[in-house]
Protein backbone atom coordinates (compact mmCIF):
# COMPACT_ATOMS: atom_id res chain seq x y z
CA MET A 1 -19.67 -35.32 172.78
CA ALA A 2 -22.92 -37.08 173.63
CA THR A 3 -25.45 -37.01 170.83
CA ILE A 4 -29.20 -37.07 171.28
CA LYS A 5 -31.10 -39.52 169.11
CA LEU A 6 -34.32 -38.02 167.80
CA THR A 7 -37.54 -39.97 167.21
CA PRO A 8 -38.90 -39.91 163.64
CA GLY A 9 -41.54 -37.22 164.25
CA LYS A 10 -39.13 -34.91 166.03
CA LEU A 11 -36.50 -35.38 163.33
CA ALA A 12 -39.06 -34.65 160.60
CA GLY A 13 -40.13 -31.53 162.46
CA LEU A 14 -36.58 -30.22 162.75
CA LYS A 15 -35.98 -30.93 159.07
CA ALA A 16 -39.16 -29.00 158.19
CA VAL A 17 -37.99 -25.83 159.95
CA SER A 18 -34.36 -25.93 158.76
CA ASP A 19 -32.52 -25.24 155.53
CA ALA A 20 -30.70 -27.96 153.60
CA ARG A 21 -27.56 -27.43 155.70
CA GLY A 22 -29.36 -28.18 158.95
CA VAL A 23 -29.42 -24.54 160.02
CA ILE A 24 -32.61 -22.98 161.41
CA ALA A 25 -33.14 -19.67 159.63
CA ALA A 26 -36.59 -18.97 161.02
CA ALA A 27 -38.64 -15.80 161.27
CA ALA A 28 -40.67 -15.10 164.41
CA MET A 29 -44.12 -13.52 164.34
CA ASP A 30 -45.80 -14.81 167.51
CA GLN A 31 -45.92 -11.47 169.35
CA ARG A 32 -49.42 -10.70 170.57
CA GLY A 33 -50.00 -8.31 173.49
CA SER A 34 -46.83 -6.28 172.96
CA LEU A 35 -47.46 -6.01 169.21
CA LYS A 36 -51.05 -4.86 169.71
CA LYS A 37 -49.88 -2.17 172.16
CA SER A 38 -47.15 -0.98 169.78
CA LEU A 39 -49.51 -0.80 166.81
CA ALA A 40 -52.16 1.07 168.82
CA LYS A 41 -49.57 3.53 170.16
CA GLU A 42 -48.24 4.29 166.66
CA LYS A 43 -51.80 4.76 165.38
CA GLY A 44 -52.66 7.00 168.33
CA VAL A 45 -55.58 4.85 169.52
CA SER A 46 -56.23 2.97 172.76
CA ASP A 47 -56.93 -0.39 171.10
CA LEU A 48 -57.01 -2.12 167.73
CA PRO A 49 -59.30 -4.87 166.41
CA ASP A 50 -57.89 -8.39 166.29
CA SER A 51 -58.17 -8.22 162.49
CA ALA A 52 -55.24 -5.76 162.45
CA LEU A 53 -52.97 -8.31 164.17
CA VAL A 54 -54.13 -11.03 161.79
CA GLU A 55 -53.39 -8.85 158.75
CA PHE A 56 -49.99 -7.72 160.09
CA LYS A 57 -48.96 -11.36 160.64
CA GLU A 58 -50.22 -12.38 157.18
CA LEU A 59 -48.15 -9.69 155.48
CA VAL A 60 -44.98 -10.46 157.44
CA THR A 61 -45.37 -14.19 156.80
CA ASP A 62 -46.13 -13.82 153.10
CA VAL A 63 -43.06 -11.68 152.42
CA LEU A 64 -40.43 -12.96 154.86
CA THR A 65 -40.94 -16.72 154.56
CA ARG A 66 -39.62 -16.49 151.00
CA TYR A 67 -36.24 -15.87 152.66
CA ALA A 68 -36.65 -17.98 155.83
CA SER A 69 -36.60 -21.70 156.56
CA ALA A 70 -39.67 -21.44 158.81
CA ILE A 71 -42.03 -19.09 160.64
CA LEU A 72 -43.04 -19.03 164.29
CA LEU A 73 -46.67 -18.01 164.77
CA ASP A 74 -49.25 -18.07 167.53
CA PRO A 75 -52.52 -20.02 167.14
CA GLU A 76 -54.59 -17.07 168.45
CA TYR A 77 -54.02 -14.64 165.55
CA GLY A 78 -51.48 -16.40 163.33
CA LEU A 79 -53.31 -19.35 161.74
CA PRO A 80 -54.51 -17.38 158.68
CA ALA A 81 -50.87 -16.30 158.17
CA ALA A 82 -49.75 -19.95 158.35
CA LYS A 83 -51.50 -20.49 154.99
CA ARG A 84 -49.15 -17.94 153.39
CA ARG A 85 -45.78 -19.39 154.37
CA HIS A 86 -44.74 -20.67 150.92
CA GLY A 87 -44.30 -24.28 152.02
CA LYS A 88 -41.81 -23.42 154.78
CA GLY A 89 -41.83 -24.99 158.24
CA LEU A 90 -44.24 -23.94 160.98
CA LEU A 91 -43.58 -23.52 164.69
CA LEU A 92 -46.57 -22.71 166.87
CA ALA A 93 -46.44 -21.02 170.28
CA TYR A 94 -48.15 -22.83 173.15
CA GLU A 95 -47.86 -20.24 175.93
CA LYS A 96 -50.05 -17.29 176.78
CA THR A 97 -48.55 -13.93 175.92
CA GLY A 98 -46.86 -11.97 178.71
CA TYR A 99 -47.12 -12.78 182.41
CA ASP A 100 -49.13 -11.72 185.47
CA ALA A 101 -47.23 -8.75 186.90
CA ASP A 102 -49.14 -9.03 190.22
CA THR A 103 -47.77 -12.51 190.95
CA PRO A 104 -44.07 -12.82 191.82
CA GLY A 105 -41.78 -14.91 189.63
CA ARG A 106 -43.20 -14.32 186.13
CA LEU A 107 -44.93 -17.71 186.19
CA PRO A 108 -45.85 -19.22 182.80
CA ASP A 109 -49.28 -20.30 181.58
CA LEU A 110 -50.51 -22.20 178.53
CA LEU A 111 -53.23 -21.20 176.09
CA ASP A 112 -56.63 -22.28 177.41
CA HIS A 113 -57.99 -23.81 174.22
CA TRP A 114 -54.86 -25.48 172.92
CA SER A 115 -52.89 -28.66 173.56
CA VAL A 116 -49.89 -30.19 171.78
CA ARG A 117 -52.33 -32.51 169.99
CA ARG A 118 -54.36 -29.53 168.73
CA LEU A 119 -51.31 -27.54 167.68
CA LYS A 120 -50.03 -30.52 165.73
CA GLU A 121 -53.43 -30.96 164.10
CA ALA A 122 -53.34 -27.25 163.17
CA GLY A 123 -50.18 -27.95 161.16
CA ALA A 124 -47.33 -27.32 163.59
CA ASP A 125 -44.02 -29.00 162.74
CA CYS A 126 -42.63 -27.96 166.14
CA ILE A 127 -43.95 -26.58 169.43
CA LYS A 128 -42.44 -23.45 171.01
CA VAL A 129 -42.79 -22.35 174.63
CA LEU A 130 -41.43 -19.14 176.13
CA LEU A 131 -40.36 -19.16 179.78
CA TYR A 132 -39.10 -16.25 181.85
CA TYR A 133 -36.24 -17.78 183.80
CA THR A 134 -33.25 -16.95 185.96
CA PRO A 135 -31.18 -19.36 188.05
CA PHE A 136 -31.19 -16.65 190.77
CA GLU A 137 -34.95 -16.89 191.38
CA LYS A 138 -36.34 -18.45 194.60
CA SER A 139 -36.08 -22.25 194.45
CA ASP A 140 -39.84 -22.68 195.00
CA ILE A 141 -40.65 -20.57 191.94
CA ASN A 142 -38.05 -22.28 189.76
CA ASP A 143 -39.27 -25.69 190.89
CA GLN A 144 -42.75 -24.77 189.60
CA LYS A 145 -41.18 -23.76 186.28
CA HIS A 146 -39.15 -26.98 186.06
CA ALA A 147 -42.28 -29.11 186.61
CA PHE A 148 -44.16 -27.02 184.03
CA ILE A 149 -41.51 -27.68 181.37
CA GLU A 150 -41.30 -31.39 182.28
CA ARG A 151 -45.05 -31.69 181.58
CA ILE A 152 -44.73 -30.06 178.16
CA GLY A 153 -41.71 -32.23 177.33
CA ASP A 154 -43.76 -35.34 178.09
CA GLU A 155 -46.69 -34.03 176.06
CA CYS A 156 -44.44 -33.39 173.05
CA ARG A 157 -42.86 -36.84 173.41
CA ALA A 158 -46.33 -38.44 173.48
CA HIS A 159 -47.19 -36.74 170.18
CA ASP A 160 -43.68 -37.15 168.71
CA ILE A 161 -43.22 -33.49 167.89
CA ALA A 162 -40.12 -31.34 168.36
CA PHE A 163 -40.07 -29.06 171.41
CA PHE A 164 -38.34 -25.66 171.29
CA LEU A 165 -37.90 -23.91 174.64
CA GLU A 166 -37.21 -20.17 174.61
CA PHE A 167 -36.03 -18.76 177.92
CA VAL A 168 -35.71 -15.08 178.64
CA GLY A 169 -33.83 -13.83 181.69
CA TYR A 170 -34.93 -11.14 184.10
CA ASP A 171 -33.78 -9.36 187.24
CA VAL A 172 -35.13 -11.06 190.38
CA HIS A 173 -35.24 -7.75 192.26
CA GLY A 174 -37.44 -6.14 189.62
CA ASN A 175 -34.74 -3.80 188.33
CA SER A 176 -34.39 -2.93 184.65
CA GLU A 177 -32.96 -5.52 182.30
CA LYS A 178 -31.47 -2.62 180.34
CA SER A 179 -29.09 -1.59 183.16
CA VAL A 180 -25.33 -2.15 183.25
CA GLU A 181 -25.80 -4.09 186.52
CA TYR A 182 -28.09 -6.57 184.78
CA ALA A 183 -25.71 -6.76 181.80
CA LYS A 184 -22.97 -7.94 184.16
CA ARG A 185 -25.17 -10.75 185.51
CA LYS A 186 -26.55 -11.79 182.13
CA PRO A 187 -23.72 -14.22 181.21
CA GLU A 188 -24.44 -16.26 184.36
CA ILE A 189 -28.20 -16.11 183.79
CA VAL A 190 -27.91 -17.38 180.20
CA SER A 191 -25.27 -20.03 181.00
CA GLY A 192 -27.20 -21.29 184.03
CA SER A 193 -30.44 -21.50 182.06
CA MET A 194 -28.76 -23.41 179.21
CA ALA A 195 -27.23 -25.85 181.70
CA GLU A 196 -30.59 -26.44 183.40
CA PHE A 197 -32.77 -26.95 180.34
CA GLY A 198 -30.17 -28.99 178.49
CA LYS A 199 -30.93 -31.77 181.02
CA GLU A 200 -32.51 -34.85 179.46
CA LYS A 201 -35.51 -34.90 181.80
CA TYR A 202 -37.04 -31.89 180.05
CA LEU A 203 -37.04 -33.62 176.64
CA ILE A 204 -36.31 -30.32 174.87
CA ASP A 205 -35.02 -30.66 171.31
CA VAL A 206 -33.83 -27.11 170.59
CA LEU A 207 -32.93 -24.37 173.06
CA LYS A 208 -33.86 -20.89 171.87
CA VAL A 209 -31.47 -18.72 173.84
CA GLU A 210 -30.55 -15.12 174.44
CA VAL A 211 -27.01 -14.12 173.64
CA PRO A 212 -25.07 -13.99 176.91
CA VAL A 213 -24.16 -10.28 176.67
CA GLN A 214 -25.95 -6.96 176.21
CA MET A 215 -24.35 -5.59 173.05
CA GLU A 216 -24.56 -1.90 173.98
CA PHE A 217 -22.23 -2.63 176.92
CA VAL A 218 -19.59 -4.52 174.88
CA GLN A 219 -16.58 -2.25 174.38
CA GLY A 220 -15.19 -2.11 170.87
CA THR A 221 -18.45 -2.96 169.10
CA ARG A 222 -20.50 -0.74 166.80
CA ALA A 223 -23.41 -1.16 169.23
CA PHE A 224 -21.39 0.15 172.21
CA LYS A 225 -22.99 3.21 173.83
CA GLY A 226 -20.17 4.32 176.13
CA GLU A 227 -20.77 2.40 179.35
CA GLY A 228 -18.82 -0.85 179.54
CA ALA A 229 -19.78 -4.12 181.20
CA TYR A 230 -17.33 -6.27 179.23
CA THR A 231 -14.40 -5.94 176.88
CA ARG A 232 -14.74 -7.52 173.46
CA ALA A 233 -12.48 -10.40 174.61
CA GLU A 234 -14.67 -10.98 177.68
CA ALA A 235 -17.79 -10.97 175.51
CA LEU A 236 -16.29 -13.61 173.22
CA HIS A 237 -15.47 -15.70 176.29
CA HIS A 238 -19.08 -15.40 177.54
CA PHE A 239 -20.35 -16.70 174.17
CA GLN A 240 -17.98 -19.68 174.37
CA ASP A 241 -18.78 -20.37 178.02
CA ALA A 242 -22.57 -20.40 177.49
CA ALA A 243 -22.22 -22.68 174.45
CA THR A 244 -20.33 -25.30 176.49
CA MET A 245 -23.30 -25.64 178.85
CA THR A 246 -25.28 -27.93 176.56
CA HIS A 247 -24.89 -30.61 173.89
CA LYS A 248 -28.33 -29.79 172.51
CA PRO A 249 -28.96 -27.79 169.36
CA PHE A 250 -29.40 -24.11 170.23
CA ILE A 251 -30.41 -21.02 168.29
CA TYR A 252 -30.27 -17.33 169.14
CA LEU A 253 -33.24 -15.02 169.52
CA SER A 254 -33.08 -11.36 168.55
CA ALA A 255 -34.69 -10.05 171.78
CA GLY A 256 -36.07 -6.91 170.20
CA VAL A 257 -32.76 -5.34 169.17
CA SER A 258 -32.34 -3.54 165.86
CA ASN A 259 -31.31 -5.35 162.71
CA ALA A 260 -27.84 -3.77 162.79
CA VAL A 261 -27.27 -4.80 166.41
CA PHE A 262 -28.51 -8.36 165.84
CA THR A 263 -26.32 -8.92 162.79
CA GLU A 264 -23.31 -7.61 164.74
CA THR A 265 -24.28 -9.96 167.59
CA LEU A 266 -24.19 -12.91 165.20
CA GLU A 267 -20.79 -11.74 163.92
CA LEU A 268 -19.54 -11.88 167.52
CA ALA A 269 -21.04 -15.36 168.00
CA ALA A 270 -19.26 -16.49 164.83
CA GLU A 271 -15.97 -14.93 165.96
CA SER A 272 -16.25 -16.73 169.31
CA GLY A 273 -16.57 -20.08 167.51
CA THR A 274 -19.81 -21.22 169.15
CA THR A 275 -21.66 -24.06 167.43
CA PHE A 276 -24.97 -22.18 167.27
CA ASN A 277 -27.50 -23.75 164.93
CA GLY A 278 -29.39 -20.75 163.64
CA VAL A 279 -31.87 -18.11 164.76
CA LEU A 280 -35.50 -17.41 165.41
CA CYS A 281 -35.53 -13.75 164.54
CA GLY A 282 -38.59 -11.56 164.82
CA ARG A 283 -38.46 -7.89 165.64
CA ALA A 284 -34.99 -7.36 164.16
CA THR A 285 -36.58 -7.89 160.74
CA TRP A 286 -40.04 -6.28 160.99
CA LYS A 287 -40.15 -4.00 164.08
CA ASP A 288 -39.48 -0.77 162.15
CA GLY A 289 -42.50 -1.55 159.98
CA ILE A 290 -44.96 -1.22 162.89
CA ALA A 291 -45.24 2.55 162.41
CA VAL A 292 -45.54 2.08 158.63
CA TYR A 293 -48.51 -0.28 159.04
CA ALA A 294 -50.16 1.83 161.77
CA LYS A 295 -49.93 5.06 159.79
CA GLY A 296 -49.96 3.92 156.17
CA GLY A 297 -51.98 0.69 156.19
CA ALA A 298 -51.46 -2.72 154.63
CA LYS A 299 -50.24 -1.63 151.17
CA ALA A 300 -47.57 0.69 152.60
CA PHE A 301 -46.43 -1.99 155.03
CA GLU A 302 -46.25 -4.61 152.29
CA ALA A 303 -44.09 -2.27 150.20
CA TRP A 304 -41.85 -1.64 153.23
CA LEU A 305 -41.51 -5.38 153.88
CA ASN A 306 -40.60 -6.07 150.25
CA ASP A 307 -37.86 -3.45 150.51
CA GLN A 308 -36.44 -2.94 154.02
CA GLY A 309 -37.90 -6.11 155.54
CA VAL A 310 -36.24 -8.25 152.87
CA LYS A 311 -32.93 -6.41 153.32
CA ASN A 312 -33.17 -7.03 157.09
CA ILE A 313 -33.74 -10.76 156.77
CA GLN A 314 -31.02 -11.06 154.12
CA ASN A 315 -28.59 -9.36 156.56
CA VAL A 316 -29.45 -12.01 159.14
CA ASN A 317 -29.15 -14.81 156.58
CA HIS A 318 -25.71 -13.55 155.60
CA SER A 319 -24.66 -13.75 159.26
CA LEU A 320 -26.00 -17.32 159.38
CA GLU A 321 -23.27 -18.49 157.00
CA ALA A 322 -21.28 -18.98 160.23
CA ALA A 323 -23.98 -21.12 161.87
CA HIS A 324 -23.46 -24.86 162.33
CA SER A 325 -25.69 -27.75 161.31
CA TRP A 326 -27.63 -29.45 164.10
CA PHE A 327 -27.18 -32.84 162.34
CA PRO A 328 -24.05 -33.90 164.31
CA LYS A 329 -25.63 -32.88 167.61
CA VAL A 330 -28.42 -35.40 167.12
CA GLY A 331 -26.28 -38.07 165.46
CA VAL A 332 -27.61 -37.93 161.90
CA THR A 333 -25.98 -37.31 158.53
CA ALA A 334 -27.20 -34.94 155.82
CA ALA A 335 -27.97 -38.00 153.66
CA GLU A 336 -30.18 -39.51 156.37
CA VAL A 337 -32.10 -36.26 156.77
CA LEU A 338 -32.47 -35.92 153.00
CA ALA A 339 -33.88 -39.43 152.86
CA LEU A 340 -36.75 -38.51 155.23
CA ALA A 341 -40.13 -38.43 153.54
């Protein structure tokens, strides 16, 4: 297997967001627009002040980073929270939240007042970019996205900082991503995306990927809801198949599923034998606390986090016992990483 040699800054960044084993056990708290909408809905108001998002992120960060190797935040509302991460690693998001629904192709955009230089100066150990992507999109649209990621890869190389790319699939015809039809196409979408962005020209250090199945359509799982898109054996094969598409380190995202579903997903990944290198897990740990914060305020939410939030992240951490170190994928030993300043 080809290994990728990391430059000193990139290697230091990966070390900063990983545990001693070389597994990324990171929490994600970079939601912006969707979080604001959810909080407002639960509170029964049309909008919330920015200070509510800042406080929510501070509380999540303060409690959950005690059990995580790192936290992913956004520079718009998350920088105060970054001061409460208990010395753990920091990933900062570089993209604008959401996408323009009036323009076809879910094209990405970067934050107006930020650059890789500025994110690094703000304390980022690694840069994260989210991209909506499917290999089935029109070639003109995907070519724009490829060029966009090439630019960011070059920018991260210039500043010697690790680059995490998160890609999220979608249906090119605008149909629901929750349908059984989409579930059947998802393995190809995930595998094709991993194959594309594993290419050297993008200079990506870690791929943050969706699991290649929709769990509620996997027969024989606890998450199964009655309509099948794959047998358990087929699901295991899809995990293996996607993992063979890249030599790069890759981690799974929780994609908004419940804690129980995400931990079962990681059990399936472990059973399939994929060499996944950890997670960046957001909503599966704190999503159920949105209503608690909206209705009960900061103190009630903090109490919920210290109880259920901690249980949720510990469930994920338990599942991560099956994760693999990224050290061999980048050609370093544990001793060499330990020796880094």
